[in-house]
Amino acid sequence: MIATLIVAWIIFIILYKLLKATMSSALTIAAILILLNISFGITPQDIWHHIMQFTQSISKIQSGK
């Protein structure tokens, strides 16, 4: 019983740290997107479009076209 509680506590701590890091990253990205939208009128769709263009250009460079 004690070993089960220790393992459950360790798993809880790991999941808590993972959730905390994930939420921190998500809130940071959301704040950056909001600031870009308010300051420069850049929407998340604009950013996604540029990311897709960048990945396509990288794949073209790698394939030699």
Protein backbone atom coordinates (compact mmCIF):
# COMPACT_ATOMS: atom_id res chain seq x y z
CA MET A 1 0.00 0.00 0.00
CA ILE A 2 2.80 2.44 0.87
CA ALA A 3 4.65 1.63 -2.36
CA THR A 4 1.48 2.27 -4.37
CA LEU A 5 1.02 5.65 -2.71
CA ILE A 6 4.65 6.60 -3.39
CA VAL A 7 4.36 5.63 -7.07
CA ALA A 8 1.05 7.49 -7.39
CA TRP A 9 2.61 10.58 -5.78
CA ILE A 10 5.60 10.45 -8.15
CA ILE A 11 3.30 10.13 -11.17
CA PHE A 12 1.16 13.01 -9.87
CA ILE A 13 4.23 15.25 -9.47
CA ILE A 14 5.47 14.40 -12.98
CA LEU A 15 2.07 15.10 -14.52
CA TYR A 16 1.75 18.35 -12.57
CA LYS A 17 5.14 19.58 -13.79
CA LEU A 18 4.28 18.58 -17.36
CA LEU A 19 0.92 20.37 -17.22
CA LYS A 20 2.52 23.45 -15.67
CA ALA A 21 5.15 23.64 -18.42
CA THR A 22 2.55 23.08 -21.14
CA MET A 23 0.23 25.77 -19.80
CA SER A 24 3.12 28.19 -19.42
CA SER A 25 4.12 27.67 -23.05
CA ALA A 26 0.53 27.93 -24.28
CA LEU A 27 -0.07 31.17 -22.39
CA THR A 28 3.19 32.63 -23.70
CA ILE A 29 2.27 31.79 -27.30
CA ALA A 30 -1.24 33.19 -26.81
CA ALA A 31 0.16 36.43 -25.38
CA ILE A 32 2.57 36.79 -28.31
CA LEU A 33 -0.25 36.19 -30.82
CA ILE A 34 -2.49 38.74 -29.10
CA LEU A 35 0.30 41.34 -29.02
CA LEU A 36 1.09 40.76 -32.71
CA ASN A 37 -2.57 41.11 -33.58
CA ILE A 38 -3.07 44.29 -31.56
CA SER A 39 0.25 45.93 -32.49
CA PHE A 40 0.67 45.02 -36.15
CA GLY A 41 -2.63 43.47 -37.25
CA ILE A 42 -0.97 40.08 -37.81
CA THR A 43 -3.47 37.25 -37.40
CA PRO A 44 -2.70 33.64 -36.43
CA GLN A 45 -3.75 32.66 -39.97
CA ASP A 46 -1.04 34.95 -41.39
CA ILE A 47 1.57 33.33 -39.18
CA TRP A 48 0.37 29.83 -40.10
CA HIS A 49 0.49 30.74 -43.81
CA HIS A 50 4.11 31.89 -43.49
CA ILE A 51 5.06 28.76 -41.56
CA MET A 52 3.57 26.59 -44.31
CA GLN A 53 5.40 28.56 -47.02
CA PHE A 54 8.65 28.21 -45.07
CA THR A 55 8.28 24.43 -44.71
CA GLN A 56 7.45 24.08 -48.41
CA SER A 57 10.51 26.09 -49.39
CA ILE A 58 12.70 23.98 -47.09
CA SER A 59 11.34 20.76 -48.62
CA LYS A 60 12.00 22.14 -52.14
CA ILE A 61 15.58 22.99 -51.18
CA GLN A 62 16.11 19.50 -49.74
CA SER A 63 14.66 17.78 -52.82
CA GLY A 64 16.82 19.90 -55.13
CA LYS A 65 14.04 21.62 -57.04
